[in-house]
Protein backbone atom coordinates (compact mmCIF):
# COMPACT_ATOMS: atom_id res chain seq x y z
CA MET A 1 35.69 41.18 17.85
CA ALA A 2 34.52 39.63 14.62
CA ILE A 3 30.80 39.62 13.98
CA THR A 4 29.54 36.14 13.24
CA ILE A 5 26.23 34.33 13.31
CA GLU A 6 27.52 32.41 16.31
CA ARG A 7 28.25 35.64 18.18
CA LEU A 8 24.82 37.05 17.36
CA GLN A 9 23.14 33.84 18.56
CA GLN A 10 24.48 34.42 22.06
CA THR A 11 22.60 36.09 24.84
CA PHE A 12 24.19 39.35 25.86
CA SER A 13 23.53 42.60 27.67
CA GLU A 14 23.83 46.28 26.85
CA GLY A 15 27.61 45.88 26.77
CA GLY A 16 27.28 43.20 24.09
CA ALA A 17 25.10 45.49 21.97
CA GLN A 18 27.76 48.19 22.29
CA GLU A 19 30.43 45.69 21.20
CA ILE A 20 28.38 44.79 18.12
CA TYR A 21 27.95 48.46 17.29
CA GLN A 22 31.66 49.19 17.73
CA ALA A 23 32.57 46.28 15.46
CA VAL A 24 30.17 47.46 12.75
CA LYS A 25 31.44 51.01 13.11
CA ALA A 26 35.04 49.81 12.75
CA GLU A 27 34.08 47.96 9.54
CA GLY A 28 32.16 51.00 8.32
CA ASP A 29 29.49 48.88 6.65
CA PHE A 30 26.17 49.40 8.41
CA LEU A 31 24.20 48.51 5.29
CA GLY A 32 26.11 45.27 4.64
CA PHE A 33 25.76 44.28 8.30
CA ALA A 34 22.01 44.93 8.22
CA ARG A 35 21.52 42.97 5.02
CA ARG A 36 23.50 40.03 6.42
CA TYR A 37 21.95 39.77 9.87
CA VAL A 38 18.79 41.85 10.44
CA PHE A 39 16.65 39.64 8.21
CA ASP A 40 18.02 36.35 9.56
CA GLU A 41 15.44 33.62 10.23
CA ASP A 42 16.85 33.19 13.74
CA SER A 43 15.05 35.89 15.71
CA ARG A 44 17.89 36.03 18.24
CA VAL A 45 20.37 36.90 15.48
CA ALA A 46 18.01 39.52 14.06
CA ARG A 47 17.28 40.98 17.49
CA ASN A 48 20.92 41.23 18.48
CA ALA A 49 21.88 42.76 15.13
CA LEU A 50 19.12 45.33 15.48
CA TRP A 51 20.07 46.04 19.08
CA GLY A 52 23.61 46.79 17.97
CA LEU A 53 22.31 49.07 15.20
CA THR A 54 20.24 51.08 17.66
CA LYS A 55 23.53 52.25 19.20
CA ALA A 56 24.52 53.97 15.95
CA ASN A 57 24.02 57.68 15.48
CA ASP A 58 21.48 58.96 12.97
CA GLU A 59 24.11 59.67 10.33
CA GLU A 60 25.41 56.09 10.54
CA LEU A 61 21.88 54.71 10.41
CA SER A 62 21.05 56.79 7.33
CA ALA A 63 22.96 54.19 5.30
CA LEU A 64 19.94 51.91 5.88
CA ARG A 65 17.59 54.30 4.07
CA VAL A 66 17.92 52.20 0.90
CA ILE A 67 16.35 49.21 2.68
CA LEU A 68 13.52 51.18 4.32
CA ASP A 69 10.79 49.13 2.63
CA GLU A 70 12.44 45.88 3.69
CA LEU A 71 12.67 47.12 7.28
CA ILE A 72 9.01 48.13 7.18
CA ASP A 73 8.08 44.69 5.89
CA LEU A 74 10.09 43.07 8.68
CA ALA A 75 8.40 45.20 11.35
CA MET A 76 4.96 44.28 10.01
CA MET A 77 5.63 40.58 9.48
CA THR A 78 7.68 39.44 12.46
CA ASP A 79 6.04 37.60 15.33
CA ASN A 80 8.90 38.52 17.65
CA SER A 81 8.04 41.61 19.71
CA SER A 82 11.71 42.47 20.35
CA VAL A 83 12.53 42.36 16.65
CA ARG A 84 9.42 44.45 15.94
CA ARG A 85 10.28 47.09 18.55
CA LEU A 86 13.92 47.37 17.53
CA THR A 87 13.07 47.50 13.82
CA LEU A 88 10.52 50.24 14.47
CA ASN A 89 13.14 52.15 16.46
CA VAL A 90 15.55 51.99 13.53
CA ILE A 91 12.81 53.03 11.08
CA GLU A 92 11.82 55.95 13.29
CA ARG A 93 15.37 57.28 13.17
CA LEU A 94 15.71 57.08 9.38
CA PRO A 95 14.98 60.17 7.33
CA ILE A 96 11.39 59.81 6.12
CA GLU A 97 10.29 61.72 3.05
CA GLU A 98 6.85 62.58 1.73
CA ASP A 99 7.00 59.81 -0.88
CA ASP A 100 7.70 57.19 1.80
CA LEU A 101 4.07 57.04 2.90
CA ARG A 102 2.82 53.46 2.83
CA ALA A 103 -0.83 53.14 3.72
CA ASP A 104 -0.34 49.55 4.91
CA PHE A 105 2.41 50.64 7.28
CA LEU A 106 0.45 53.64 8.55
CA ASP A 107 -2.50 51.33 9.24
CA PHE A 108 -0.12 48.95 11.03
CA CYS A 109 1.18 51.79 13.22
CA PHE A 110 -2.35 52.90 14.12
CA GLU A 111 -3.39 49.32 14.86
CA HIS A 112 -0.45 48.68 17.18
CA LEU A 113 -0.60 52.11 18.81
CA PHE A 114 -4.18 51.56 19.92
CA ASN A 115 -3.99 47.83 20.64
CA PRO A 116 -4.35 47.47 24.43
CA ASN A 117 -2.45 44.17 24.31
CA GLU A 118 0.60 45.68 22.59
CA LEU A 119 3.78 46.42 24.51
CA PRO A 120 4.11 50.10 25.52
CA GLY A 121 7.48 50.43 23.76
CA ILE A 122 5.91 49.35 20.49
CA GLN A 123 2.90 51.60 21.02
CA ALA A 124 5.13 54.62 21.65
CA VAL A 125 7.37 54.08 18.64
CA CYS A 126 4.31 53.44 16.44
CA ALA A 127 3.05 56.89 17.46
CA LYS A 128 6.41 58.41 16.49
CA VAL A 129 6.52 56.62 13.15
CA ALA A 130 2.90 57.52 12.37
CA PHE A 131 3.71 61.15 13.12
CA GLY A 132 6.72 60.96 10.80
CA MET A 133 4.56 59.73 7.94
CA CYS A 134 1.61 62.05 8.62
CA LYS A 135 3.59 65.29 8.97
CA PHE A 136 3.68 65.74 5.19
CA HIS A 137 -0.08 65.31 4.80
CA PRO A 138 -2.32 67.75 6.72
CA GLU A 139 -5.40 65.55 6.39
CA LEU A 140 -3.53 62.56 7.85
CA MET A 141 -2.03 64.72 10.61
CA ASP A 142 -5.52 65.90 11.52
CA GLU A 143 -6.68 62.28 11.67
CA LEU A 144 -3.71 61.30 13.85
CA LYS A 145 -4.36 64.18 16.25
CA ARG A 146 -8.11 63.46 16.46
CA THR A 147 -7.36 59.82 17.16
CA LEU A 148 -4.79 60.68 19.83
CA GLU A 149 -7.20 63.14 21.44
CA GLY A 150 -9.84 60.41 21.62
CA MET A 151 -7.58 57.94 23.45
CA GLU A 152 -8.69 56.66 26.84
CA ILE A 153 -5.37 57.87 28.20
CA ASP A 154 -5.75 56.22 31.62
CA TYR A 155 -5.17 52.82 30.04
CA TYR A 156 -1.76 53.68 28.58
CA LYS A 157 1.71 53.59 30.10
CA PRO A 158 3.78 56.77 30.63
CA ALA A 159 5.85 56.28 27.45
CA VAL A 160 2.72 56.36 25.30
CA LYS A 161 1.18 59.24 27.26
CA SER A 162 4.34 61.28 26.86
CA ILE A 163 4.59 60.84 23.08
CA ARG A 164 0.86 61.50 22.72
CA ASN A 165 1.09 64.73 24.71
CA ARG A 166 4.20 65.88 22.82
CA ILE A 167 2.51 65.30 19.45
CA LEU A 168 -0.68 67.06 20.50
CA SER A 169 1.19 70.04 22.00
CA GLY A 170 3.34 70.43 18.88
CA LYS A 171 6.55 69.75 20.82
CA TYR A 172 7.39 66.57 18.91
CA CYS A 173 9.19 67.16 15.65
């Protein structure tokens, strides 16, 4: 199956995402695929491209490390919640280094984690990404843990509760 804009504009299921992934894997160009389609103005194209990328293993996704800042910008700027969630999932799986800390992105993650109107999937992945950035900075990790401890946990869905508890217990790495 050739990957085209027309194909990515279609509505498809989990099987379609797997097909996209298999096609990208066969081409061996995860970075080129991401640059061509993830930032497309058509949110359906971007969403489907990202969905296919989420099927990749961490080693395959590591090719996207060079566009980390662009992915962060996309996650913060998009109005499409599916594109935001999928972009955050890709970011969370990329190797994050100490120098990757962006205060604007950390603030974004905190804002969306604690926003009661945000989707639970976005809240949960924001907690993971915030942890990934804070783990290099003890003062930021302390702030994250204090903030998580202060959550009114009854108002959150199980996905958020689980990540919160794993971070606070030290079982999330």
